[in-house]
């Protein structure tokens, strides 16, 4: 798998969290989380690092956990 895998989105109240996983040149996967207000365009997203993982499955789980934390702790 090359590049970025399809994103997943969560919505909580007035915020949207978009998650993505990007394959790195060394074969690891970077979990990415982006947060924005529902009424804002995607260009207003805030990037929150979610870590580097050895498998795509672990990266998706890392992104999911980081997204849940961002929503739960209002990290925007």
N, C-alpha and C. Protein backbone atom coordinates (compact mmCIF):
# COMPACT_ATOMS: atom_id res chain seq x y z
N UNK A 1 0.85 -1.18 0.00
CA UNK A 1 0.00 0.00 0.00
C UNK A 1 0.89 1.23 0.00
N UNK A 2 0.66 2.13 -0.92
CA UNK A 2 1.43 3.37 -0.99
C UNK A 2 0.58 4.56 -0.59
N UNK A 3 1.22 5.54 0.02
CA UNK A 3 0.53 6.79 0.29
C UNK A 3 -0.43 6.73 1.45
N UNK A 4 -1.53 7.45 1.31
CA UNK A 4 -2.49 7.61 2.39
C UNK A 4 -3.71 6.73 2.17
N UNK A 5 -4.13 6.03 3.21
CA UNK A 5 -5.33 5.22 3.10
C UNK A 5 -6.55 6.10 3.31
N UNK A 6 -7.69 5.62 2.92
CA UNK A 6 -8.93 6.38 3.03
C UNK A 6 -9.16 6.86 4.45
N UNK A 7 -9.71 8.05 4.57
CA UNK A 7 -9.97 8.63 5.86
C UNK A 7 -11.24 8.12 6.50
N UNK A 8 -11.32 8.32 7.78
CA UNK A 8 -12.51 8.00 8.56
C UNK A 8 -12.87 9.25 9.34
N UNK A 9 -14.15 9.45 9.57
CA UNK A 9 -14.62 10.68 10.21
C UNK A 9 -15.51 10.38 11.40
N UNK A 10 -15.35 11.16 12.45
CA UNK A 10 -16.22 11.12 13.63
C UNK A 10 -16.80 12.51 13.81
N UNK A 11 -18.01 12.57 14.32
CA UNK A 11 -18.62 13.87 14.64
C UNK A 11 -19.10 13.83 16.08
N UNK A 12 -18.80 14.90 16.81
CA UNK A 12 -19.24 15.01 18.19
C UNK A 12 -19.66 16.45 18.44
N UNK A 13 -20.95 16.64 18.60
CA UNK A 13 -21.44 18.00 18.84
C UNK A 13 -21.08 18.92 17.71
N UNK A 14 -20.29 19.94 18.01
CA UNK A 14 -19.94 20.94 17.00
C UNK A 14 -18.59 20.68 16.34
N UNK A 15 -17.98 19.50 16.58
CA UNK A 15 -16.67 19.20 16.02
C UNK A 15 -16.69 17.98 15.12
N UNK A 16 -15.82 18.01 14.12
CA UNK A 16 -15.58 16.87 13.24
C UNK A 16 -14.12 16.47 13.40
N UNK A 17 -13.89 15.17 13.53
CA UNK A 17 -12.53 14.64 13.59
C UNK A 17 -12.34 13.73 12.39
N UNK A 18 -11.32 14.02 11.61
CA UNK A 18 -10.98 13.20 10.46
C UNK A 18 -9.70 12.44 10.78
N UNK A 19 -9.71 11.15 10.52
CA UNK A 19 -8.54 10.31 10.77
C UNK A 19 -8.01 9.79 9.45
N UNK A 20 -6.70 9.66 9.36
CA UNK A 20 -6.07 9.11 8.17
C UNK A 20 -4.84 8.33 8.59
N UNK A 21 -4.40 7.44 7.73
CA UNK A 21 -3.17 6.68 7.96
C UNK A 21 -2.32 6.81 6.71
N UNK A 22 -1.07 7.21 6.88
CA UNK A 22 -0.16 7.40 5.75
C UNK A 22 1.02 6.44 5.88
N UNK A 23 1.26 5.67 4.82
CA UNK A 23 2.42 4.78 4.81
C UNK A 23 3.68 5.61 4.66
N UNK A 24 4.70 5.28 5.44
CA UNK A 24 5.97 5.98 5.41
C UNK A 24 6.97 5.22 4.55
N UNK A 25 8.02 5.86 4.08
CA UNK A 25 9.01 5.20 3.22
C UNK A 25 9.66 3.97 3.85
N UNK A 26 9.73 3.93 5.18
CA UNK A 26 10.36 2.80 5.85
C UNK A 26 9.39 1.65 6.12
N UNK A 27 8.15 1.75 5.62
CA UNK A 27 7.18 0.68 5.80
C UNK A 27 6.33 0.79 7.05
N UNK A 28 6.53 1.82 7.85
CA UNK A 28 5.68 2.05 9.02
C UNK A 28 4.50 2.90 8.59
N UNK A 29 3.59 3.14 9.52
CA UNK A 29 2.37 3.88 9.21
C UNK A 29 2.17 5.01 10.22
N UNK A 30 1.94 6.20 9.70
CA UNK A 30 1.69 7.37 10.55
C UNK A 30 0.19 7.56 10.70
N UNK A 31 -0.28 7.57 11.94
CA UNK A 31 -1.69 7.85 12.23
C UNK A 31 -1.84 9.36 12.34
N UNK A 32 -2.83 9.89 11.63
CA UNK A 32 -3.05 11.33 11.58
C UNK A 32 -4.47 11.65 12.02
N UNK A 33 -4.62 12.71 12.82
CA UNK A 33 -5.92 13.15 13.29
C UNK A 33 -6.04 14.65 13.01
N UNK A 34 -7.18 15.05 12.46
CA UNK A 34 -7.45 16.45 12.14
C UNK A 34 -8.80 16.83 12.75
N UNK A 35 -8.85 17.97 13.43
CA UNK A 35 -10.07 18.39 14.12
C UNK A 35 -10.48 19.77 13.61
N UNK A 36 -11.79 19.96 13.46
CA UNK A 36 -12.31 21.28 13.09
C UNK A 36 -13.75 21.41 13.55
N UNK A 37 -14.23 22.63 13.60
CA UNK A 37 -15.64 22.87 13.87
C UNK A 37 -16.44 22.47 12.65
N UNK A 38 -17.65 21.99 12.87
CA UNK A 38 -18.52 21.54 11.78
C UNK A 38 -18.71 22.65 10.74
N UNK A 39 -18.85 23.86 11.19
CA UNK A 39 -19.15 24.97 10.28
C UNK A 39 -17.92 25.50 9.53
N UNK A 40 -16.73 25.01 9.87
CA UNK A 40 -15.50 25.49 9.22
C UNK A 40 -15.14 24.60 8.03
N UNK A 41 -14.42 25.17 7.05
CA UNK A 41 -13.95 24.36 5.92
C UNK A 41 -12.78 23.47 6.33
N UNK A 42 -12.46 22.48 5.52
CA UNK A 42 -11.36 21.57 5.84
C UNK A 42 -10.03 22.29 6.01
N UNK A 43 -9.83 23.41 5.34
CA UNK A 43 -8.56 24.13 5.48
C UNK A 43 -8.35 24.66 6.89
N UNK A 44 -9.40 24.68 7.71
CA UNK A 44 -9.30 25.15 9.09
C UNK A 44 -8.97 24.02 10.07
N UNK A 45 -8.72 22.83 9.56
CA UNK A 45 -8.44 21.69 10.44
C UNK A 45 -7.16 21.91 11.25
N UNK A 46 -7.17 21.39 12.46
CA UNK A 46 -5.99 21.38 13.32
C UNK A 46 -5.43 19.96 13.32
N UNK A 47 -4.15 19.82 13.01
CA UNK A 47 -3.49 18.51 12.99
C UNK A 47 -3.06 18.13 14.40
N UNK A 48 -3.38 16.92 14.80
CA UNK A 48 -2.95 16.38 16.10
C UNK A 48 -2.17 15.11 15.81
N UNK A 49 -0.88 15.06 16.16
CA UNK A 49 -0.09 13.84 15.91
C UNK A 49 -0.66 12.65 16.68
N UNK A 50 -0.67 11.50 16.04
CA UNK A 50 -1.19 10.30 16.70
C UNK A 50 -0.16 9.18 16.76
N UNK A 51 1.00 9.35 16.15
CA UNK A 51 2.07 8.38 16.29
C UNK A 51 2.40 7.59 15.03
N UNK A 52 3.49 6.85 15.14
CA UNK A 52 3.98 5.96 14.07
C UNK A 52 3.80 4.53 14.56
N UNK A 53 3.29 3.66 13.69
CA UNK A 53 2.96 2.29 14.08
C UNK A 53 3.50 1.29 13.06
N UNK A 54 3.75 0.05 13.50
CA UNK A 54 4.33 -0.95 12.60
C UNK A 54 3.36 -1.53 11.58
N UNK A 55 2.05 -1.46 11.85
CA UNK A 55 1.06 -2.01 10.93
C UNK A 55 -0.05 -0.99 10.68
N UNK A 56 -0.73 -1.16 9.56
CA UNK A 56 -1.83 -0.25 9.24
C UNK A 56 -2.97 -0.40 10.26
N UNK A 57 -3.21 -1.61 10.72
CA UNK A 57 -4.26 -1.84 11.72
C UNK A 57 -3.95 -1.11 13.03
N UNK A 58 -2.69 -1.20 13.47
CA UNK A 58 -2.29 -0.52 14.70
C UNK A 58 -2.38 1.00 14.53
N UNK A 59 -2.07 1.48 13.34
CA UNK A 59 -2.16 2.92 13.08
C UNK A 59 -3.60 3.40 13.15
N UNK A 60 -4.53 2.62 12.57
CA UNK A 60 -5.95 3.01 12.66
C UNK A 60 -6.42 3.02 14.10
N UNK A 61 -6.00 2.04 14.89
CA UNK A 61 -6.40 2.01 16.29
C UNK A 61 -5.79 3.19 17.04
N UNK A 62 -4.54 3.53 16.75
CA UNK A 62 -3.91 4.70 17.37
C UNK A 62 -4.62 5.99 17.01
N UNK A 63 -5.04 6.10 15.75
CA UNK A 63 -5.78 7.28 15.32
C UNK A 63 -7.12 7.36 16.02
N UNK A 64 -7.80 6.21 16.14
CA UNK A 64 -9.10 6.18 16.80
C UNK A 64 -8.98 6.61 18.26
N UNK A 65 -7.98 6.08 18.95
CA UNK A 65 -7.78 6.44 20.36
C UNK A 65 -7.45 7.92 20.52
N UNK A 66 -6.60 8.44 19.63
CA UNK A 66 -6.21 9.85 19.72
C UNK A 66 -7.39 10.76 19.40
N UNK A 67 -8.22 10.36 18.44
CA UNK A 67 -9.41 11.13 18.10
C UNK A 67 -10.38 11.16 19.27
N UNK A 68 -10.58 10.02 19.92
CA UNK A 68 -11.47 9.96 21.07
C UNK A 68 -10.96 10.85 22.19
N UNK A 69 -9.65 10.83 22.41
CA UNK A 69 -9.07 11.70 23.45
C UNK A 69 -9.26 13.17 23.11
N UNK A 70 -9.03 13.53 21.85
CA UNK A 70 -9.20 14.93 21.42
C UNK A 70 -10.61 15.40 21.65
N UNK A 71 -11.59 14.55 21.33
CA UNK A 71 -12.99 14.93 21.54
C UNK A 71 -13.33 14.97 23.02
N UNK A 72 -12.89 13.96 23.77
CA UNK A 72 -13.22 13.88 25.18
C UNK A 72 -12.61 14.99 26.02
N UNK A 73 -11.40 15.43 25.64
CA UNK A 73 -10.70 16.46 26.41
C UNK A 73 -10.77 17.83 25.74
N UNK A 74 -11.56 17.95 24.70
CA UNK A 74 -11.74 19.22 23.98
C UNK A 74 -10.41 19.83 23.56
N UNK A 75 -9.59 19.04 22.91
CA UNK A 75 -8.26 19.49 22.45
C UNK A 75 -8.35 20.11 21.06
N UNK A 76 -8.88 21.30 20.99
CA UNK A 76 -8.99 21.96 19.69
C UNK A 76 -8.44 23.34 19.79
